[in-house]
Amino acid sequence: MASALEELQKDLEEVKLLLEKATRKRVRDALTAEKSKIETEIKNKMQQKSQRKAEHLDNEKPAAVVAPITTGYTVKISNYGWDQSDKFVKIYITLTGVHQVPTENVQVHFTERSFDLLVKNLNGKSYSMIVNNLLKPISVEGSSKKVKTDTVLILCRKKAENTRWDYLTQVEKECKEKEKPSYDTETDPSEGLMNVLKKIYEDGDDDMKRTINKAWVESREKQAKGDTEF
């Protein structure tokens, strides 16, 4: 059974033959109009056929596999530097290539006493830094971040400007103060020195203990010699 397109092509051939033989103007005009109509139909049929063929080929193509974007594991950031101005406490984190990642991949969340940095998908890894218990309150709205070449700069806006931070966090302050020797101003100053020597002796190795023992004996001998001279 002939297709619709084949039938139209046969009709066109027949109209062309009739057009060659026709001599009357009215008949020729009618045949010419019919010829144009059939040619248009043929053109439309051929376009539809080509479109269906293209769609069929597209359906046969395997679906493209989109590789998932993996960010690997998360690295905890422990190395950083910081300083301060009258208005800001500035934290510097070095991350090679961080300036090349999309801006939205570098996120910082601030609270009044903390900040949380997350850098996503940097060389196949994520990087995280969480600092809680800041030494003093900061302004959440006034704090921000800047990304520079291989560096993330976190700017914590001091709530109380023109105040000095001796430490970045309250925990750091407490640890440092515990390490300081305690002196009782109401007791003999030599007792404070003895406490320091005692701590050094307890924490020291065998060589340190021998050195302190020797110094202690010599000191006692000098004291005894001094007492006998008077």
N, C-alpha and C. Protein backbone atom coordinates (compact mmCIF):
# COMPACT_ATOMS: atom_id res chain seq x y z
N MET A 1 0.86 -1.19 0.00
CA MET A 1 0.00 0.00 0.00
C MET A 1 0.89 1.23 0.00
N ALA A 2 0.64 2.12 -0.98
CA ALA A 2 1.46 3.31 -1.12
C ALA A 2 1.21 4.25 0.04
N SER A 3 2.28 4.95 0.47
CA SER A 3 2.15 5.91 1.56
C SER A 3 1.53 7.20 1.05
N ALA A 4 1.11 8.03 1.98
CA ALA A 4 0.49 9.31 1.61
C ALA A 4 1.44 10.17 0.82
N LEU A 5 2.73 10.12 1.17
CA LEU A 5 3.72 10.92 0.45
C LEU A 5 3.86 10.43 -0.99
N GLU A 6 3.86 9.11 -1.17
CA GLU A 6 3.96 8.56 -2.53
C GLU A 6 2.75 8.93 -3.37
N GLU A 7 1.57 8.89 -2.76
CA GLU A 7 0.35 9.28 -3.47
C GLU A 7 0.40 10.73 -3.92
N LEU A 8 0.89 11.59 -3.05
CA LEU A 8 0.99 13.01 -3.40
C LEU A 8 1.97 13.22 -4.56
N GLN A 9 3.08 12.49 -4.55
CA GLN A 9 4.06 12.61 -5.63
C GLN A 9 3.47 12.16 -6.97
N LYS A 10 2.64 11.08 -6.94
CA LYS A 10 1.97 10.63 -8.17
C LYS A 10 0.97 11.66 -8.66
N ASP A 11 0.22 12.27 -7.71
CA ASP A 11 -0.72 13.32 -8.08
C ASP A 11 0.01 14.49 -8.73
N LEU A 12 1.18 14.83 -8.19
CA LEU A 12 1.94 15.95 -8.74
C LEU A 12 2.40 15.66 -10.16
N GLU A 13 2.86 14.43 -10.43
CA GLU A 13 3.30 14.07 -11.77
C GLU A 13 2.13 14.17 -12.77
N GLU A 14 0.97 13.72 -12.32
CA GLU A 14 -0.19 13.75 -13.22
C GLU A 14 -0.63 15.18 -13.51
N VAL A 15 -0.60 16.03 -12.50
CA VAL A 15 -0.98 17.44 -12.70
C VAL A 15 0.00 18.10 -13.66
N LYS A 16 1.29 17.77 -13.53
CA LYS A 16 2.29 18.34 -14.44
C LYS A 16 1.99 17.93 -15.89
N LEU A 17 1.60 16.66 -16.09
CA LEU A 17 1.26 16.18 -17.44
C LEU A 17 0.04 16.91 -18.01
N LEU A 18 -0.96 17.06 -17.15
CA LEU A 18 -2.17 17.76 -17.59
C LEU A 18 -1.86 19.22 -17.90
N LEU A 19 -0.96 19.81 -17.09
CA LEU A 19 -0.60 21.22 -17.30
C LEU A 19 0.11 21.42 -18.64
N GLU A 20 0.91 20.43 -19.05
CA GLU A 20 1.60 20.51 -20.33
C GLU A 20 0.62 20.46 -21.51
N LYS A 21 -0.46 19.72 -21.32
CA LYS A 21 -1.42 19.52 -22.42
C LYS A 21 -2.52 20.58 -22.44
N ALA A 22 -2.74 21.27 -21.30
CA ALA A 22 -3.84 22.23 -21.23
C ALA A 22 -3.52 23.47 -22.06
N THR A 23 -4.54 24.00 -22.70
CA THR A 23 -4.36 25.20 -23.54
C THR A 23 -5.25 26.34 -23.05
N ARG A 24 -6.35 26.03 -22.38
CA ARG A 24 -7.26 27.07 -21.91
C ARG A 24 -6.67 27.72 -20.64
N LYS A 25 -6.72 29.05 -20.57
CA LYS A 25 -6.13 29.80 -19.44
C LYS A 25 -6.77 29.39 -18.12
N ARG A 26 -8.10 29.29 -18.10
CA ARG A 26 -8.78 28.96 -16.85
C ARG A 26 -8.35 27.58 -16.35
N VAL A 27 -8.19 26.64 -17.25
CA VAL A 27 -7.77 25.30 -16.87
C VAL A 27 -6.34 25.31 -16.39
N ARG A 28 -5.48 26.07 -17.10
CA ARG A 28 -4.07 26.13 -16.70
C ARG A 28 -3.92 26.77 -15.31
N ASP A 29 -4.71 27.83 -15.05
CA ASP A 29 -4.63 28.48 -13.73
C ASP A 29 -5.05 27.52 -12.62
N ALA A 30 -6.11 26.73 -12.88
CA ALA A 30 -6.57 25.78 -11.87
C ALA A 30 -5.54 24.70 -11.62
N LEU A 31 -4.93 24.22 -12.71
CA LEU A 31 -3.91 23.18 -12.57
C LEU A 31 -2.65 23.71 -11.86
N THR A 32 -2.30 24.98 -12.17
CA THR A 32 -1.13 25.60 -11.51
C THR A 32 -1.36 25.74 -10.02
N ALA A 33 -2.56 26.15 -9.63
CA ALA A 33 -2.89 26.29 -8.22
C ALA A 33 -2.85 24.94 -7.51
N GLU A 34 -3.38 23.92 -8.17
CA GLU A 34 -3.38 22.57 -7.60
C GLU A 34 -1.95 22.06 -7.46
N LYS A 35 -1.13 22.36 -8.48
CA LYS A 35 0.28 21.95 -8.44
C LYS A 35 0.99 22.57 -7.23
N SER A 36 0.76 23.85 -6.97
CA SER A 36 1.38 24.52 -5.82
C SER A 36 0.90 23.93 -4.51
N LYS A 37 -0.40 23.60 -4.46
CA LYS A 37 -0.97 23.01 -3.26
C LYS A 37 -0.33 21.66 -2.94
N ILE A 38 -0.20 20.83 -4.02
CA ILE A 38 0.38 19.50 -3.82
C ILE A 38 1.85 19.60 -3.42
N GLU A 39 2.58 20.50 -4.03
CA GLU A 39 4.00 20.68 -3.69
C GLU A 39 4.17 21.09 -2.22
N THR A 40 3.26 21.95 -1.77
CA THR A 40 3.32 22.38 -0.35
C THR A 40 3.06 21.21 0.58
N GLU A 41 2.06 20.38 0.21
CA GLU A 41 1.76 19.21 1.04
C GLU A 41 2.93 18.24 1.08
N ILE A 42 3.55 18.05 -0.08
CA ILE A 42 4.71 17.16 -0.14
C ILE A 42 5.85 17.68 0.76
N LYS A 43 6.07 18.97 0.68
CA LYS A 43 7.13 19.58 1.48
C LYS A 43 6.86 19.38 2.98
N ASN A 44 5.60 19.59 3.38
CA ASN A 44 5.24 19.42 4.79
C ASN A 44 5.39 17.97 5.24
N LYS A 45 4.99 17.03 4.38
CA LYS A 45 5.10 15.61 4.72
C LYS A 45 6.57 15.20 4.90
N MET A 46 7.43 15.73 4.02
CA MET A 46 8.85 15.38 4.09
C MET A 46 9.49 15.95 5.37
N GLN A 47 9.06 17.16 5.76
CA GLN A 47 9.59 17.75 7.00
C GLN A 47 9.16 16.94 8.22
N GLN A 48 7.87 16.51 8.19
CA GLN A 48 7.38 15.70 9.31
C GLN A 48 8.13 14.37 9.40
N LYS A 49 8.41 13.79 8.24
CA LYS A 49 9.12 12.53 8.22
C LYS A 49 10.53 12.68 8.78
N SER A 50 11.20 13.76 8.37
CA SER A 50 12.56 14.01 8.85
C SER A 50 12.58 14.25 10.36
N GLN A 51 11.55 14.97 10.84
CA GLN A 51 11.47 15.26 12.27
C GLN A 51 11.26 13.98 13.08
N ARG A 52 10.36 13.10 12.57
CA ARG A 52 10.11 11.84 13.29
C ARG A 52 11.37 10.98 13.31
N LYS A 53 12.13 11.01 12.23
CA LYS A 53 13.35 10.22 12.17
C LYS A 53 14.38 10.74 13.18
N ALA A 54 14.48 12.07 13.28
CA ALA A 54 15.43 12.66 14.22
C ALA A 54 15.04 12.34 15.65
N GLU A 55 13.74 12.39 15.95
CA GLU A 55 13.26 12.08 17.30
C GLU A 55 13.54 10.62 17.65
N HIS A 56 13.39 9.75 16.66
CA HIS A 56 13.64 8.34 16.88
C HIS A 56 15.11 8.09 17.21
N LEU A 57 15.99 8.79 16.50
CA LEU A 57 17.42 8.62 16.76
C LEU A 57 17.79 9.16 18.14
N ASP A 58 17.16 10.26 18.54
CA ASP A 58 17.44 10.82 19.86
C ASP A 58 17.01 9.86 20.96
N ASN A 59 15.88 9.20 20.73
CA ASN A 59 15.38 8.27 21.74
C ASN A 59 16.28 7.05 21.89
N GLU A 60 16.98 6.72 20.80
CA GLU A 60 17.85 5.55 20.85
C GLU A 60 19.19 5.85 21.50
N LYS A 61 19.54 7.14 21.63
CA LYS A 61 20.82 7.49 22.25
C LYS A 61 20.76 7.21 23.75
N PRO A 62 21.82 6.65 24.29
CA PRO A 62 21.83 6.42 25.74
C PRO A 62 21.83 7.74 26.50
N ALA A 63 21.14 7.77 27.60
CA ALA A 63 21.07 8.99 28.41
C ALA A 63 22.45 9.34 28.93
N ALA A 64 22.75 10.61 28.89
CA ALA A 64 24.06 11.07 29.36
C ALA A 64 24.14 10.88 30.88
N VAL A 65 25.25 10.33 31.31
CA VAL A 65 25.46 10.10 32.72
C VAL A 65 26.18 11.30 33.31
N VAL A 66 25.54 11.96 34.26
CA VAL A 66 26.13 13.13 34.89
C VAL A 66 26.86 12.68 36.14
N ALA A 67 28.14 12.90 36.13
CA ALA A 67 28.94 12.47 37.29
C ALA A 67 28.59 13.33 38.49
N PRO A 68 28.33 12.71 39.61
CA PRO A 68 28.01 13.50 40.80
C PRO A 68 29.21 14.29 41.28
N ILE A 69 28.93 15.48 41.79
CA ILE A 69 30.00 16.32 42.32
C ILE A 69 30.30 15.87 43.74
N THR A 70 31.47 15.34 43.93
CA THR A 70 31.84 14.85 45.25
C THR A 70 32.75 15.86 45.94
N THR A 71 32.51 16.05 47.21
CA THR A 71 33.32 17.00 47.97
C THR A 71 34.29 16.28 48.91
N GLY A 72 34.33 14.93 48.82
CA GLY A 72 35.27 14.21 49.65
C GLY A 72 34.97 14.37 51.12
N TYR A 73 36.02 14.30 51.94
CA TYR A 73 35.82 14.41 53.37
C TYR A 73 36.09 15.83 53.84
N THR A 74 35.75 16.11 55.08
CA THR A 74 35.90 17.45 55.64
C THR A 74 37.16 17.52 56.51
N VAL A 75 38.00 18.49 56.25
CA VAL A 75 39.24 18.70 56.99
C VAL A 75 39.02 19.79 58.04
N LYS A 76 39.37 19.48 59.28
CA LYS A 76 39.27 20.46 60.36
C LYS A 76 40.47 21.42 60.30
N ILE A 77 40.20 22.69 60.27
CA ILE A 77 41.27 23.70 60.22
C ILE A 77 41.74 23.99 61.64
N SER A 78 43.04 23.81 61.86
CA SER A 78 43.60 24.07 63.19
C SER A 78 44.70 25.14 63.15
N ASN A 79 45.23 25.40 61.96
CA ASN A 79 46.30 26.40 61.85
C ASN A 79 45.73 27.72 61.33
N TYR A 80 45.99 28.76 62.06
CA TYR A 80 45.51 30.10 61.66
C TYR A 80 46.32 31.15 62.41
N GLY A 81 46.18 32.37 61.96
CA GLY A 81 46.80 33.48 62.67
C GLY A 81 45.76 34.55 62.93
N TRP A 82 46.02 35.43 63.88
CA TRP A 82 45.05 36.50 64.14
C TRP A 82 45.75 37.73 64.70
N ASP A 83 45.14 38.86 64.44
CA ASP A 83 45.56 40.11 65.05
C ASP A 83 44.32 40.98 65.22
N GLN A 84 44.51 42.23 65.57
CA GLN A 84 43.34 43.07 65.84
C GLN A 84 43.64 44.52 65.57
N SER A 85 42.56 45.26 65.34
CA SER A 85 42.61 46.71 65.25
C SER A 85 41.63 47.25 66.30
N ASP A 86 41.39 48.53 66.28
CA ASP A 86 40.45 49.10 67.25
C ASP A 86 39.05 48.55 67.06
N LYS A 87 38.70 48.21 65.81
CA LYS A 87 37.32 47.81 65.50
C LYS A 87 37.15 46.31 65.25
N PHE A 88 38.21 45.64 64.79
CA PHE A 88 38.06 44.26 64.35
C PHE A 88 39.08 43.32 64.98
N VAL A 89 38.66 42.08 65.16
CA VAL A 89 39.57 40.96 65.38
C VAL A 89 39.65 40.21 64.05
N LYS A 90 40.87 40.02 63.53
CA LYS A 90 41.05 39.47 62.18
C LYS A 90 41.69 38.10 62.26
N ILE A 91 41.03 37.12 61.65
CA ILE A 91 41.55 35.75 61.64
C ILE A 91 41.96 35.39 60.22
N TYR A 92 43.18 34.91 60.06
CA TYR A 92 43.73 34.58 58.75
C TYR A 92 43.86 33.06 58.61
N ILE A 93 43.21 32.50 57.58
CA ILE A 93 43.30 31.06 57.32
C ILE A 93 43.89 30.86 55.92
N THR A 94 44.97 30.13 55.83
CA THR A 94 45.62 29.87 54.54
C THR A 94 45.08 28.58 53.94
N LEU A 95 44.49 28.69 52.73
CA LEU A 95 43.98 27.53 51.98
C LEU A 95 44.36 27.72 50.52
N THR A 96 45.26 26.90 50.04
CA THR A 96 45.76 27.04 48.68
C THR A 96 44.62 26.88 47.67
N GLY A 97 44.47 27.89 46.80
CA GLY A 97 43.46 27.83 45.74
C GLY A 97 42.07 28.26 46.15
N VAL A 98 41.89 28.74 47.38
CA VAL A 98 40.53 29.08 47.84
C VAL A 98 39.93 30.23 47.02
N HIS A 99 40.78 31.09 46.46
CA HIS A 99 40.27 32.22 45.67
C HIS A 99 39.70 31.77 44.33
N GLN A 100 39.89 30.50 43.97
CA GLN A 100 39.41 30.01 42.68
C GLN A 100 38.07 29.29 42.77
N VAL A 101 37.58 29.02 43.96
CA VAL A 101 36.29 28.34 44.10
C VAL A 101 35.17 29.37 44.01
N PRO A 102 33.95 28.95 43.65
CA PRO A 102 32.83 29.90 43.60
C PRO A 102 32.61 30.59 44.94
N THR A 103 32.15 31.83 44.88
CA THR A 103 31.95 32.61 46.10
C THR A 103 31.04 31.91 47.09
N GLU A 104 29.99 31.26 46.56
CA GLU A 104 29.02 30.61 47.45
C GLU A 104 29.60 29.39 48.16
N ASN A 105 30.78 28.94 47.75
CA ASN A 105 31.41 27.78 48.40
C ASN A 105 32.15 28.16 49.68
N VAL A 106 32.28 29.45 49.93
CA VAL A 106 32.93 29.91 51.16
C VAL A 106 31.88 30.57 52.03
N GLN A 107 31.53 29.90 53.13
CA GLN A 107 30.43 30.36 53.98
C GLN A 107 30.93 30.57 55.41
N VAL A 108 30.47 31.66 56.03
CA VAL A 108 30.80 31.93 57.43
C VAL A 108 29.52 32.31 58.17
N HIS A 109 29.30 31.65 59.28
CA HIS A 109 28.13 31.96 60.13
C HIS A 109 28.64 32.54 61.45
N PHE A 110 28.10 33.71 61.82
CA PHE A 110 28.53 34.38 63.05
C PHE A 110 27.42 34.35 64.10
N THR A 111 27.83 34.22 65.36
CA THR A 111 26.96 34.52 66.49
C THR A 111 27.71 35.53 67.35
N GLU A 112 27.10 35.93 68.44
CA GLU A 112 27.73 36.96 69.27
C GLU A 112 29.05 36.50 69.89
N ARG A 113 29.20 35.17 70.09
CA ARG A 113 30.43 34.67 70.71
C ARG A 113 31.07 33.53 69.92
N SER A 114 30.79 33.44 68.61
CA SER A 114 31.41 32.35 67.84
C SER A 114 31.35 32.65 66.34
N PHE A 115 32.11 31.87 65.57
CA PHE A 115 31.97 31.87 64.12
C PHE A 115 32.26 30.47 63.59
N ASP A 116 31.67 30.17 62.44
CA ASP A 116 31.77 28.84 61.84
C ASP A 116 32.08 29.02 60.36
N LEU A 117 33.27 28.61 59.95
CA LEU A 117 33.70 28.72 58.54
C LEU A 117 33.57 27.37 57.87
N LEU A 118 33.01 27.37 56.64
CA LEU A 118 32.93 26.14 55.84
C LEU A 118 33.31 26.49 54.40
N VAL A 119 34.35 25.81 53.91
CA VAL A 119 34.77 25.96 52.50
C VAL A 119 34.46 24.64 51.81
N LYS A 120 33.59 24.68 50.80
CA LYS A 120 33.13 23.44 50.15
C LYS A 120 33.84 23.21 48.83
N ASN A 121 34.15 21.93 48.57
CA ASN A 121 34.67 21.47 47.29
C ASN A 121 35.92 22.24 46.84
N LEU A 122 36.90 22.28 47.69
CA LEU A 122 38.20 22.86 47.35
C LEU A 122 39.17 21.71 47.14
N ASN A 123 39.55 21.50 45.90
CA ASN A 123 40.44 20.40 45.54
C ASN A 123 39.90 19.05 46.04
N GLY A 124 38.58 18.87 45.90
CA GLY A 124 37.96 17.61 46.26
C GLY A 124 37.70 17.42 47.74
N LYS A 125 37.92 18.46 48.55
CA LYS A 125 37.70 18.36 49.99
C LYS A 125 36.89 19.56 50.47
N SER A 126 36.33 19.41 51.67
CA SER A 126 35.72 20.54 52.36
C SER A 126 36.59 20.88 53.57
N TYR A 127 36.56 22.15 53.97
CA TYR A 127 37.35 22.59 55.11
C TYR A 127 36.45 23.30 56.11
N SER A 128 36.62 22.98 57.38
CA SER A 128 35.75 23.52 58.41
C SER A 128 36.56 24.07 59.57
N MET A 129 36.10 25.20 60.10
CA MET A 129 36.72 25.79 61.29
C MET A 129 35.61 26.36 62.16
N ILE A 130 35.49 25.86 63.37
CA ILE A 130 34.48 26.34 64.31
C ILE A 130 35.19 26.90 65.54
N VAL A 131 34.94 28.16 65.85
CA VAL A 131 35.53 28.79 67.03
C VAL A 131 34.40 29.26 67.93
N ASN A 132 34.28 28.63 69.09
CA ASN A 132 33.27 29.00 70.07
C ASN A 132 33.90 29.78 71.23
N ASN A 133 33.05 30.38 72.04
CA ASN A 133 33.50 31.08 73.25
C ASN A 133 34.57 32.14 72.96
N LEU A 134 34.28 33.01 71.99
CA LEU A 134 35.19 34.12 71.74
C LEU A 134 35.38 34.91 73.03
N LEU A 135 36.53 35.54 73.15
CA LEU A 135 36.87 36.21 74.40
C LEU A 135 35.83 37.26 74.79
N LYS A 136 35.35 38.00 73.78
CA LYS A 136 34.36 39.05 74.04
C LYS A 136 33.28 39.02 72.96
N PRO A 137 32.15 39.65 73.20
CA PRO A 137 31.07 39.66 72.21
C PRO A 137 31.47 40.40 70.93
N ILE A 138 30.91 39.94 69.80
CA ILE A 138 31.13 40.61 68.52
C ILE A 138 29.78 41.01 67.93
N SER A 139 29.82 41.91 66.96
CA SER A 139 28.62 42.33 66.24
C SER A 139 28.40 41.38 65.07
N VAL A 140 27.28 40.66 65.09
CA VAL A 140 27.00 39.70 64.00
C VAL A 140 26.83 40.45 62.68
N GLU A 141 26.09 41.55 62.71
CA GLU A 141 25.83 42.29 61.47
C GLU A 141 27.09 42.96 60.93
N GLY A 142 27.99 43.37 61.82
CA GLY A 142 29.20 44.06 61.38
C GLY A 142 30.34 43.15 60.99
N SER A 143 30.19 41.85 61.23
CA SER A 143 31.26 40.89 60.92
C SER A 143 31.11 40.39 59.48
N SER A 144 32.22 39.97 58.89
CA SER A 144 32.19 39.56 57.48
C SER A 144 33.41 38.70 57.17
N LYS A 145 33.51 38.34 55.90
CA LYS A 145 34.67 37.57 55.42
C LYS A 145 35.18 38.19 54.13
N LYS A 146 36.44 37.93 53.83
CA LYS A 146 37.04 38.31 52.56
C LYS A 146 37.88 37.15 52.06
N VAL A 147 37.80 36.89 50.76
CA VAL A 147 38.62 35.83 50.16
C VAL A 147 39.70 36.49 49.33
N LYS A 148 40.94 36.21 49.69
CA LYS A 148 42.09 36.73 48.96
C LYS A 148 42.87 35.55 48.38
N THR A 149 43.96 35.83 47.72
CA THR A 149 44.76 34.77 47.12
C THR A 149 45.23 33.78 48.18
N ASP A 150 44.72 32.55 48.09
CA ASP A 150 45.08 31.46 49.00
C ASP A 150 44.77 31.76 50.47
N THR A 151 43.90 32.72 50.73
CA THR A 151 43.63 33.11 52.11
C THR A 151 42.16 33.48 52.31
N VAL A 152 41.60 33.04 53.44
CA VAL A 152 40.29 33.52 53.88
C VAL A 152 40.53 34.42 55.09
N LEU A 153 40.01 35.64 55.03
CA LEU A 153 40.14 36.59 56.12
C LEU A 153 38.77 36.76 56.77
N ILE A 154 38.69 36.43 58.06
CA ILE A 154 37.43 36.58 58.81
C ILE A 154 37.56 37.83 59.67
N LEU A 155 36.59 38.72 59.53
CA LEU A 155 36.60 39.98 60.26
C LEU A 155 35.49 39.97 61.30
N CYS A 156 35.87 39.83 62.56
CA CYS A 156 34.90 39.87 63.66
C CYS A 156 34.85 41.29 64.21
N ARG A 157 33.72 41.94 64.04
CA ARG A 157 33.57 43.33 64.50
C ARG A 157 33.39 43.36 66.02
N LYS A 158 34.27 44.04 66.70
CA LYS A 158 34.18 44.14 68.15
C LYS A 158 32.92 44.90 68.54
N LYS A 159 32.19 44.35 69.51
CA LYS A 159 31.02 45.06 70.00
C LYS A 159 31.44 46.29 70.80
N ALA A 160 32.51 46.10 71.56
CA ALA A 160 33.09 47.23 72.30
C ALA A 160 34.38 47.63 71.61
N GLU A 161 34.31 48.71 70.84
CA GLU A 161 35.49 49.14 70.09
C GLU A 161 36.55 49.70 71.03
N ASN A 162 37.78 49.75 70.52
CA ASN A 162 38.92 50.27 71.27
C ASN A 162 39.21 49.47 72.54
N THR A 163 38.81 48.21 72.55
CA THR A 163 39.18 47.32 73.65
C THR A 163 40.16 46.28 73.12
N ARG A 164 41.10 45.91 73.95
CA ARG A 164 42.14 44.97 73.51
C ARG A 164 41.77 43.54 73.89
N TRP A 165 41.95 42.63 72.94
CA TRP A 165 41.78 41.19 73.20
C TRP A 165 43.17 40.60 73.41
N ASP A 166 43.44 40.06 74.60
CA ASP A 166 44.72 39.39 74.85
C ASP A 166 44.70 37.96 74.32
N TYR A 167 43.50 37.41 74.15
CA TYR A 167 43.34 36.05 73.64
C TYR A 167 42.18 36.04 72.66
N LEU A 168 42.13 35.02 71.81
CA LEU A 168 41.02 34.92 70.86
C LEU A 168 39.77 34.34 71.53
N THR A 169 39.97 33.35 72.43
CA THR A 169 38.83 32.69 73.06
C THR A 169 38.97 32.70 74.58
N GLN A 170 37.85 32.50 75.25
CA GLN A 170 37.83 32.41 76.69
C GLN A 170 38.59 31.19 77.18
N VAL A 171 38.50 30.10 76.43
CA VAL A 171 39.20 28.86 76.79
C VAL A 171 40.71 29.08 76.76
N GLU A 172 41.17 29.77 75.73
CA GLU A 172 42.60 30.05 75.62
C GLU A 172 43.08 30.90 76.80
N LYS A 173 42.27 31.85 77.18
CA LYS A 173 42.62 32.71 78.32
C LYS A 173 42.74 31.89 79.60
N GLU A 174 41.77 31.01 79.84
CA GLU A 174 41.78 30.20 81.06
C GLU A 174 42.99 29.26 81.09
N CYS A 175 43.31 28.67 79.92
CA CYS A 175 44.46 27.76 79.87
C CYS A 175 45.76 28.50 80.15
N LYS A 176 45.92 29.70 79.57
CA LYS A 176 47.15 30.47 79.78
C LYS A 176 47.28 30.91 81.23
N GLU A 177 46.15 31.29 81.82
CA GLU A 177 46.23 31.77 83.20
C GLU A 177 46.53 30.64 84.17
N LYS A 178 46.10 29.41 83.82
CA LYS A 178 46.43 28.27 84.66
C LYS A 178 47.92 27.98 84.65
N GLU A 179 48.57 28.28 83.52
CA GLU A 179 50.00 28.01 83.39
C GLU A 179 50.85 29.01 84.17
N LYS A 180 50.26 30.18 84.49
CA LYS A 180 51.02 31.19 85.20
C LYS A 180 51.20 30.77 86.65
N PRO A 181 52.40 30.96 87.21
CA PRO A 181 52.59 30.64 88.65
C PRO A 181 51.80 31.61 89.50
N SER A 182 51.21 31.11 90.55
CA SER A 182 50.41 31.96 91.43
C SER A 182 51.28 32.47 92.57
N TYR A 183 51.19 33.76 92.81
CA TYR A 183 51.95 34.37 93.90
C TYR A 183 50.99 34.97 94.91
N ASP A 184 51.22 34.68 96.17
CA ASP A 184 50.40 35.25 97.24
C ASP A 184 51.11 36.48 97.76
N THR A 185 50.54 37.63 97.52
CA THR A 185 51.21 38.89 97.87
C THR A 185 51.32 39.07 99.37
N GLU A 186 50.54 38.32 100.13
CA GLU A 186 50.57 38.48 101.57
C GLU A 186 51.60 37.58 102.23
N THR A 187 52.23 36.66 101.47
CA THR A 187 53.22 35.75 102.04
C THR A 187 54.62 36.19 101.65
N ASP A 188 55.57 35.52 102.19
CA ASP A 188 56.97 35.80 101.89
C ASP A 188 57.23 35.62 100.40
N PRO A 189 57.85 36.61 99.70
CA PRO A 189 58.15 36.47 98.27
C PRO A 189 58.96 35.22 97.95
N SER A 190 59.82 34.80 98.90
CA SER A 190 60.63 33.61 98.64
C SER A 190 59.77 32.36 98.55
N GLU A 191 58.58 32.40 99.18
CA GLU A 191 57.69 31.25 99.11
C GLU A 191 57.14 31.08 97.69
N GLY A 192 56.86 32.21 97.03
CA GLY A 192 56.41 32.14 95.64
C GLY A 192 57.47 31.54 94.75
N LEU A 193 58.74 31.92 95.00
CA LEU A 193 59.85 31.37 94.23
C LEU A 193 59.97 29.88 94.48
N MET A 194 59.77 29.47 95.72
CA MET A 194 59.85 28.04 96.04
C MET A 194 58.76 27.25 95.31
N ASN A 195 57.58 27.85 95.19
CA ASN A 195 56.49 27.18 94.47
C ASN A 195 56.84 26.99 93.00
N VAL A 196 57.47 28.02 92.42
CA VAL A 196 57.89 27.92 91.02
C VAL A 196 58.92 26.82 90.86
N LEU A 197 59.93 26.80 91.75
CA LEU A 197 60.97 25.78 91.67
C LEU A 197 60.39 24.38 91.86
N LYS A 198 59.42 24.29 92.77
CA LYS A 198 58.79 23.00 93.03
C LYS A 198 58.09 22.47 91.78
N LYS A 199 57.38 23.38 91.08
CA LYS A 199 56.67 22.98 89.87
C LYS A 199 57.64 22.55 88.78
N ILE A 200 58.75 23.32 88.64
CA ILE A 200 59.76 22.97 87.64
C ILE A 200 60.35 21.61 87.96
N TYR A 201 60.61 21.36 89.27
CA TYR A 201 61.19 20.08 89.70
C TYR A 201 60.24 18.92 89.38
N GLU A 202 58.96 19.10 89.67
CA GLU A 202 57.98 18.03 89.45
C GLU A 202 57.81 17.72 87.97
N ASP A 203 57.87 18.76 87.14
CA ASP A 203 57.65 18.55 85.70
C ASP A 203 58.93 18.20 84.95
N GLY A 204 60.10 18.38 85.58
CA GLY A 204 61.36 18.19 84.87
C GLY A 204 61.80 16.75 84.78
N ASP A 205 62.81 16.51 83.92
CA ASP A 205 63.36 15.16 83.80
C ASP A 205 64.43 14.95 84.87
N ASP A 206 65.13 13.82 84.80
CA ASP A 206 66.13 13.49 85.84
C ASP A 206 67.27 14.50 85.88
N ASP A 207 67.72 14.94 84.69
CA ASP A 207 68.82 15.93 84.66
C ASP A 207 68.39 17.23 85.31
N MET A 208 67.14 17.66 85.03
CA MET A 208 66.65 18.89 85.63
C MET A 208 66.56 18.76 87.14
N LYS A 209 66.10 17.60 87.62
CA LYS A 209 65.97 17.38 89.07
C LYS A 209 67.33 17.39 89.74
N ARG A 210 68.35 16.77 89.09
CA ARG A 210 69.70 16.77 89.67
C ARG A 210 70.26 18.20 89.76
N THR A 211 69.98 18.99 88.70
CA THR A 211 70.47 20.37 88.68
C THR A 211 69.84 21.18 89.80
N ILE A 212 68.53 21.00 90.00
CA ILE A 212 67.84 21.76 91.05
C ILE A 212 68.32 21.31 92.43
N ASN A 213 68.51 20.00 92.61
CA ASN A 213 69.00 19.49 93.90
C ASN A 213 70.38 20.05 94.23
N LYS A 214 71.24 20.10 93.20
CA LYS A 214 72.60 20.62 93.41
C LYS A 214 72.54 22.09 93.79
N ALA A 215 71.69 22.86 93.05
CA ALA A 215 71.56 24.28 93.36
C ALA A 215 70.99 24.50 94.75
N TRP A 216 70.07 23.63 95.15
CA TRP A 216 69.45 23.73 96.48
C TRP A 216 70.49 23.47 97.58
N VAL A 217 71.31 22.43 97.39
CA VAL A 217 72.34 22.11 98.39
C VAL A 217 73.35 23.24 98.51
N GLU A 218 73.81 23.76 97.36
CA GLU A 218 74.79 24.85 97.39
C GLU A 218 74.22 26.08 98.07
N SER A 219 72.91 26.33 97.81
CA SER A 219 72.28 27.49 98.44
C SER A 219 72.21 27.33 99.94
N ARG A 220 71.86 26.11 100.39
CA ARG A 220 71.79 25.86 101.83
C ARG A 220 73.17 25.98 102.50
N GLU A 221 74.21 25.51 101.78
CA GLU A 221 75.56 25.59 102.32
C GLU A 221 76.01 27.04 102.47
N LYS A 222 75.66 27.86 101.46
CA LYS A 222 76.03 29.27 101.53
C LYS A 222 75.31 29.96 102.68
N GLN A 223 74.03 29.58 102.86
CA GLN A 223 73.27 30.17 103.96
C GLN A 223 73.90 29.78 105.32
N ALA A 224 74.26 28.50 105.42
CA ALA A 224 74.86 28.03 106.67
C ALA A 224 76.20 28.72 106.94
N LYS A 225 77.00 28.90 105.91
CA LYS A 225 78.30 29.55 106.05
C LYS A 225 78.12 31.00 106.45
N GLY A 226 77.11 31.62 105.88
CA GLY A 226 76.84 33.02 106.22
C GLY A 226 76.42 33.16 107.66
N ASP A 227 75.66 32.18 108.18
CA ASP A 227 75.21 32.25 109.56
C ASP A 227 76.38 32.12 110.53
N THR A 228 77.38 31.31 110.22
CA THR A 228 78.50 31.09 111.13
C THR A 228 79.44 32.28 111.15
N GLU A 229 79.43 33.11 110.12
CA GLU A 229 80.34 34.24 110.06
C GLU A 229 79.91 35.36 110.99
N PHE A 230 78.63 35.37 111.37
CA PHE A 230 78.15 36.44 112.24
C PHE A 230 78.21 35.98 113.70
